[in-house]
């Protein structure tokens, strides 16, 4: 079941925890790291419960802002240092590939600007159209990234797949599940 895979994480500062609280109870597992305690435990719920909890946790404005920041950084790096980006993803390159990467940077900056400007859109129809366009873009990005990684063109392409998949999932949620 979907929710059996879902885990909740509870973060507390160690200073706020009594020594007796560090003992795992009711199936919880405790992890200490960097002065914080992480408790994880399975949640018994259904998909509707997960969707209702996500309604309270995330909003379109924060998603579009995060999208703008990620793709602005990616775009600037692709324009300024395309060889660094290509080496990071394990792609062999020549002068044509460098130029194509710089054009890709222009596209990333365009996505960042559209996301940034759409985050405060008053018209929900406009915002939903932009969300749908970004969703389609990220689904295509997942397909192309998986193909490039599996074929061996991108030697370390799985982080790109994860980024595209994350945004595709979030935009799918806001386009089809989020109720105003």
C-alpha atoms as a PDB file:
ATOM      1  CA  UNK A   1       0.000   0.000   0.000  1.00  0.00           C
ATOM      2  CA  UNK A   2       1.112   3.550  -0.754  1.00  0.00           C
ATOM      3  CA  UNK A   3       1.117   4.805   2.824  1.00  0.00           C
ATOM      4  CA  UNK A   4       3.116   1.891   4.171  1.00  0.00           C
ATOM      5  CA  UNK A   5       6.036   3.361   2.245  1.00  0.00           C
ATOM      6  CA  UNK A   6       5.460   6.824   3.676  1.00  0.00           C
ATOM      7  CA  UNK A   7       7.486   7.740   6.760  1.00  0.00           C
ATOM      8  CA  UNK A   8       7.062  10.734   9.000  1.00  0.00           C
ATOM      9  CA  UNK A   9      10.131  12.454  10.374  1.00  0.00           C
ATOM     10  CA  UNK A  10      10.056  14.365  13.581  1.00  0.00           C
ATOM     11  CA  UNK A  11      12.947  16.694  14.304  1.00  0.00           C
ATOM     12  CA  UNK A  12      13.771  17.932  17.771  1.00  0.00           C
ATOM     13  CA  UNK A  13      16.769  19.653  19.253  1.00  0.00           C
ATOM     14  CA  UNK A  14      18.704  17.462  21.658  1.00  0.00           C
ATOM     15  CA  UNK A  15      18.599  20.228  24.260  1.00  0.00           C
ATOM     16  CA  UNK A  16      14.805  19.837  24.353  1.00  0.00           C
ATOM     17  CA  UNK A  17      14.967  16.061  24.877  1.00  0.00           C
ATOM     18  CA  UNK A  18      15.189  14.343  28.236  1.00  0.00           C
ATOM     19  CA  UNK A  19      17.504  11.278  28.405  1.00  0.00           C
ATOM     20  CA  UNK A  20      14.500   8.994  28.800  1.00  0.00           C
ATOM     21  CA  UNK A  21      13.025  10.379  25.543  1.00  0.00           C
ATOM     22  CA  UNK A  22      15.889   8.965  23.465  1.00  0.00           C
ATOM     23  CA  UNK A  23      14.510   5.444  23.836  1.00  0.00           C
ATOM     24  CA  UNK A  24      12.575   4.194  20.805  1.00  0.00           C
ATOM     25  CA  UNK A  25       8.939   3.444  21.563  1.00  0.00           C
ATOM     26  CA  UNK A  26       5.885   2.246  19.626  1.00  0.00           C
ATOM     27  CA  UNK A  27       7.977   1.146  16.658  1.00  0.00           C
ATOM     28  CA  UNK A  28       9.803   4.451  16.284  1.00  0.00           C
ATOM     29  CA  UNK A  29      13.448   4.518  15.325  1.00  0.00           C
ATOM     30  CA  UNK A  30      15.600   7.331  16.664  1.00  0.00           C
ATOM     31  CA  UNK A  31      18.649   8.738  14.918  1.00  0.00           C
ATOM     32  CA  UNK A  32      20.992  11.354  16.358  1.00  0.00           C
ATOM     33  CA  UNK A  33      22.915  13.623  14.025  1.00  0.00           C
ATOM     34  CA  UNK A  34      24.494  17.087  14.436  1.00  0.00           C
ATOM     35  CA  UNK A  35      22.761  17.821  17.726  1.00  0.00           C
ATOM     36  CA  UNK A  36      19.291  16.868  16.452  1.00  0.00           C
ATOM     37  CA  UNK A  37      17.195  13.767  16.906  1.00  0.00           C
ATOM     38  CA  UNK A  38      15.237  12.325  14.017  1.00  0.00           C
ATOM     39  CA  UNK A  39      12.346  10.009  14.843  1.00  0.00           C
ATOM     40  CA  UNK A  40      10.806   8.021  12.028  1.00  0.00           C
ATOM     41  CA  UNK A  41       7.721   5.871  12.178  1.00  0.00           C
ATOM     42  CA  UNK A  42       5.298   4.439   9.603  1.00  0.00           C
ATOM     43  CA  UNK A  43       1.983   6.173   9.009  1.00  0.00           C
ATOM     44  CA  UNK A  44      -1.212   4.243   8.403  1.00  0.00           C
ATOM     45  CA  UNK A  45      -3.237   6.366   6.003  1.00  0.00           C
ATOM     46  CA  UNK A  46      -4.733   6.474   2.547  1.00  0.00           C
ATOM     47  CA  UNK A  47      -3.972   8.598  -0.509  1.00  0.00           C
ATOM     48  CA  UNK A  48      -6.698  11.113   0.356  1.00  0.00           C
ATOM     49  CA  UNK A  49      -5.109  11.708   3.776  1.00  0.00           C
ATOM     50  CA  UNK A  50      -1.708  12.289   2.171  1.00  0.00           C
ATOM     51  CA  UNK A  51      -3.227  14.767  -0.294  1.00  0.00           C
ATOM     52  CA  UNK A  52      -5.032  16.650   2.479  1.00  0.00           C
ATOM     53  CA  UNK A  53      -1.809  16.876   4.528  1.00  0.00           C
ATOM     54  CA  UNK A  54       0.089  18.150   1.480  1.00  0.00           C
ATOM     55  CA  UNK A  55      -2.544  20.882   1.061  1.00  0.00           C
ATOM     56  CA  UNK A  56      -1.375  22.306   4.380  1.00  0.00           C
ATOM     57  CA  UNK A  57       2.362  21.831   3.778  1.00  0.00           C
ATOM     58  CA  UNK A  58       3.074  23.328   0.371  1.00  0.00           C
ATOM     59  CA  UNK A  59       1.610  26.029  -1.816  1.00  0.00           C
ATOM     60  CA  UNK A  60       1.993  27.021  -5.457  1.00  0.00           C
ATOM     61  CA  UNK A  61       3.942  30.161  -4.628  1.00  0.00           C
ATOM     62  CA  UNK A  62       6.684  28.277  -2.758  1.00  0.00           C
ATOM     63  CA  UNK A  63       6.909  25.613  -5.480  1.00  0.00           C
ATOM     64  CA  UNK A  64       7.239  28.208  -8.245  1.00  0.00           C
ATOM     65  CA  UNK A  65       9.831  30.084  -6.175  1.00  0.00           C
ATOM     66  CA  UNK A  66      11.898  26.910  -5.649  1.00  0.00           C
ATOM     67  CA  UNK A  67      11.568  26.114  -9.348  1.00  0.00           C
ATOM     68  CA  UNK A  68      12.768  29.610 -10.252  1.00  0.00           C
ATOM     69  CA  UNK A  69      15.794  29.403  -7.960  1.00  0.00           C
ATOM     70  CA  UNK A  70      16.898  25.944  -9.153  1.00  0.00           C
ATOM     71  CA  UNK A  71      16.596  26.800 -12.830  1.00  0.00           C
ATOM     72  CA  UNK A  72      18.111  30.270 -12.487  1.00  0.00           C
ATOM     73  CA  UNK A  73      21.231  28.751 -10.925  1.00  0.00           C
ATOM     74  CA  UNK A  74      21.288  26.024 -13.575  1.00  0.00           C
ATOM     75  CA  UNK A  75      20.844  28.546 -16.378  1.00  0.00           C
ATOM     76  CA  UNK A  76      23.534  30.907 -15.165  1.00  0.00           C
ATOM     77  CA  UNK A  77      25.985  28.027 -14.708  1.00  0.00           C
ATOM     78  CA  UNK A  78      25.168  26.676 -18.187  1.00  0.00           C
ATOM     79  CA  UNK A  79      25.858  30.051 -19.789  1.00  0.00           C
ATOM     80  CA  UNK A  80      28.970  30.994 -17.801  1.00  0.00           C
ATOM     81  CA  UNK A  81      30.644  27.586 -17.424  1.00  0.00           C
ATOM     82  CA  UNK A  82      29.138  25.033 -19.834  1.00  0.00           C
ATOM     83  CA  UNK A  83      32.198  22.775 -19.680  1.00  0.00           C
ATOM     84  CA  UNK A  84      31.835  22.463 -15.902  1.00  0.00           C
ATOM     85  CA  UNK A  85      28.174  21.458 -16.262  1.00  0.00           C
ATOM     86  CA  UNK A  86      28.952  18.910 -18.969  1.00  0.00           C
ATOM     87  CA  UNK A  87      31.826  17.420 -16.971  1.00  0.00           C
ATOM     88  CA  UNK A  88      29.605  17.262 -13.882  1.00  0.00           C
ATOM     89  CA  UNK A  89      27.055  15.120 -15.759  1.00  0.00           C
ATOM     90  CA  UNK A  90      29.769  13.031 -17.428  1.00  0.00           C
ATOM     91  CA  UNK A  91      29.061  14.196 -20.985  1.00  0.00           C
ATOM     92  CA  UNK A  92      31.820  14.323 -23.608  1.00  0.00           C
ATOM     93  CA  UNK A  93      31.851  17.710 -25.304  1.00  0.00           C
ATOM     94  CA  UNK A  94      33.196  19.783 -28.157  1.00  0.00           C
ATOM     95  CA  UNK A  95      32.605  23.396 -29.261  1.00  0.00           C
ATOM     96  CA  UNK A  96      29.124  22.618 -30.620  1.00  0.00           C
ATOM     97  CA  UNK A  97      28.075  20.925 -27.392  1.00  0.00           C
ATOM     98  CA  UNK A  98      29.314  23.894 -25.377  1.00  0.00           C
ATOM     99  CA  UNK A  99      27.208  26.271 -27.483  1.00  0.00           C
ATOM    100  CA  UNK A 100      24.166  24.002 -27.188  1.00  0.00           C
ATOM    101  CA  UNK A 101      24.625  23.938 -23.408  1.00  0.00           C
ATOM    102  CA  UNK A 102      24.663  27.730 -23.362  1.00  0.00           C
ATOM    103  CA  UNK A 103      21.394  27.772 -25.334  1.00  0.00           C
ATOM    104  CA  UNK A 104      20.032  25.297 -22.790  1.00  0.00           C
ATOM    105  CA  UNK A 105      21.022  27.821 -20.115  1.00  0.00           C
ATOM    106  CA  UNK A 106      18.928  30.465 -21.862  1.00  0.00           C
ATOM    107  CA  UNK A 107      15.952  28.065 -21.765  1.00  0.00           C
ATOM    108  CA  UNK A 108      16.537  27.389 -18.066  1.00  0.00           C
ATOM    109  CA  UNK A 109      16.582  31.110 -17.330  1.00  0.00           C
ATOM    110  CA  UNK A 110      13.324  31.479 -19.289  1.00  0.00           C
ATOM    111  CA  UNK A 111      11.714  28.761 -17.132  1.00  0.00           C
ATOM    112  CA  UNK A 112      13.054  30.506 -14.018  1.00  0.00           C
ATOM    113  CA  UNK A 113      11.646  33.881 -15.070  1.00  0.00           C
ATOM    114  CA  UNK A 114       8.248  32.430 -15.983  1.00  0.00           C
ATOM    115  CA  UNK A 115       8.092  30.637 -12.628  1.00  0.00           C
ATOM    116  CA  UNK A 116       9.183  33.736 -10.716  1.00  0.00           C
ATOM    117  CA  UNK A 117       6.670  36.002 -12.434  1.00  0.00           C
ATOM    118  CA  UNK A 118       3.820  33.460 -12.208  1.00  0.00           C
ATOM    119  CA  UNK A 119       4.180  32.903  -8.470  1.00  0.00           C
ATOM    120  CA  UNK A 120       2.153  36.047  -7.690  1.00  0.00           C
ATOM    121  CA  UNK A 121      -0.365  35.711 -10.535  1.00  0.00           C
ATOM    122  CA  UNK A 122      -3.839  36.754  -9.432  1.00  0.00           C
ATOM    123  CA  UNK A 123      -5.609  34.907 -12.247  1.00  0.00           C
ATOM    124  CA  UNK A 124      -5.772  31.222 -11.333  1.00  0.00           C
ATOM    125  CA  UNK A 125      -6.448  30.251 -14.970  1.00  0.00           C
ATOM    126  CA  UNK A 126      -3.152  31.808 -16.007  1.00  0.00           C
ATOM    127  CA  UNK A 127      -1.312  30.121 -13.161  1.00  0.00           C
ATOM    128  CA  UNK A 128      -2.908  26.738 -13.969  1.00  0.00           C
ATOM    129  CA  UNK A 129      -1.904  27.095 -17.634  1.00  0.00           C
ATOM    130  CA  UNK A 130       1.685  27.830 -16.619  1.00  0.00           C
ATOM    131  CA  UNK A 131       1.662  24.892 -14.208  1.00  0.00           C
ATOM    132  CA  UNK A 132       0.416  22.590 -16.985  1.00  0.00           C
ATOM    133  CA  UNK A 133       3.123  23.861 -19.355  1.00  0.00           C
ATOM    134  CA  UNK A 134       5.805  23.268 -16.724  1.00  0.00           C
ATOM    135  CA  UNK A 135       4.367  19.828 -15.950  1.00  0.00           C
ATOM    136  CA  UNK A 136       4.597  18.803 -19.617  1.00  0.00           C
ATOM    137  CA  UNK A 137       8.138  20.221 -19.765  1.00  0.00           C
ATOM    138  CA  UNK A 138       9.236  18.181 -16.754  1.00  0.00           C
ATOM    139  CA  UNK A 139       7.616  14.951 -17.957  1.00  0.00           C
ATOM    140  CA  UNK A 140       9.519  15.325 -21.232  1.00  0.00           C
ATOM    141  CA  UNK A 141      12.632  16.160 -19.189  1.00  0.00           C
ATOM    142  CA  UNK A 142      12.258  12.935 -17.192  1.00  0.00           C
ATOM    143  CA  UNK A 143      11.948  10.882 -20.387  1.00  0.00           C
ATOM    144  CA  UNK A 144      14.948  12.527 -22.082  1.00  0.00           C
ATOM    145  CA  UNK A 145      17.091  12.356 -18.922  1.00  0.00           C
ATOM    146  CA  UNK A 146      16.325   8.678 -18.323  1.00  0.00           C
ATOM    147  CA  UNK A 147      17.083   7.894 -21.982  1.00  0.00           C
ATOM    148  CA  UNK A 148      20.368   9.820 -21.822  1.00  0.00           C
ATOM    149  CA  UNK A 149      21.410   8.171 -18.577  1.00  0.00           C
ATOM    150  CA  UNK A 150      20.443   4.616 -19.564  1.00  0.00           C
ATOM    151  CA  UNK A 151      22.146   4.940 -22.967  1.00  0.00           C
ATOM    152  CA  UNK A 152      25.369   6.074 -21.287  1.00  0.00           C
ATOM    153  CA  UNK A 153      25.515   9.548 -22.845  1.00  0.00           C
ATOM    154  CA  UNK A 154      25.112  11.074 -19.378  1.00  0.00           C
ATOM    155  CA  UNK A 155      27.386   9.086 -17.083  1.00  0.00           C
ATOM    156  CA  UNK A 156      26.023  10.675 -13.891  1.00  0.00           C
ATOM    157  CA  UNK A 157      22.539  11.699 -15.027  1.00  0.00           C
ATOM    158  CA  UNK A 158      20.394  10.279 -12.229  1.00  0.00           C
ATOM    159  CA  UNK A 159      20.409  13.536 -10.212  1.00  0.00           C
ATOM    160  CA  UNK A 160      18.931  15.289 -13.254  1.00  0.00           C
ATOM    161  CA  UNK A 161      16.238  12.603 -13.457  1.00  0.00           C
ATOM    162  CA  UNK A 162      15.441  13.116  -9.770  1.00  0.00           C
ATOM    163  CA  UNK A 163      15.162  16.905 -10.162  1.00  0.00           C
ATOM    164  CA  UNK A 164      12.840  16.611 -13.169  1.00  0.00           C
ATOM    165  CA  UNK A 165      10.818  13.871 -11.451  1.00  0.00           C
ATOM    166  CA  UNK A 166      10.455  15.963  -8.291  1.00  0.00           C
ATOM    167  CA  UNK A 167       9.124  18.983 -10.163  1.00  0.00           C
ATOM    168  CA  UNK A 168       6.916  16.798 -12.403  1.00  0.00           C
ATOM    169  CA  UNK A 169       5.373  15.198  -9.313  1.00  0.00           C
ATOM    170  CA  UNK A 170       4.812  18.529  -7.572  1.00  0.00           C
ATOM    171  CA  UNK A 171       3.287  20.179 -10.623  1.00  0.00           C
ATOM    172  CA  UNK A 172       1.075  17.095 -11.193  1.00  0.00           C
ATOM    173  CA  UNK A 173      -0.198  17.477  -7.641  1.00  0.00           C
ATOM    174  CA  UNK A 174      -0.987  21.175  -8.093  1.00  0.00           C
ATOM    175  CA  UNK A 175      -2.576  20.693 -11.497  1.00  0.00           C
ATOM    176  CA  UNK A 176      -4.782  17.677 -10.752  1.00  0.00           C
ATOM    177  CA  UNK A 177      -5.126  17.163  -6.980  1.00  0.00           C
ATOM    178  CA  UNK A 178      -4.857  20.528  -5.237  1.00  0.00           C
ATOM    179  CA  UNK A 179      -8.234  22.110  -4.568  1.00  0.00           C
ATOM    180  CA  UNK A 180      -8.542  25.868  -4.187  1.00  0.00           C
END
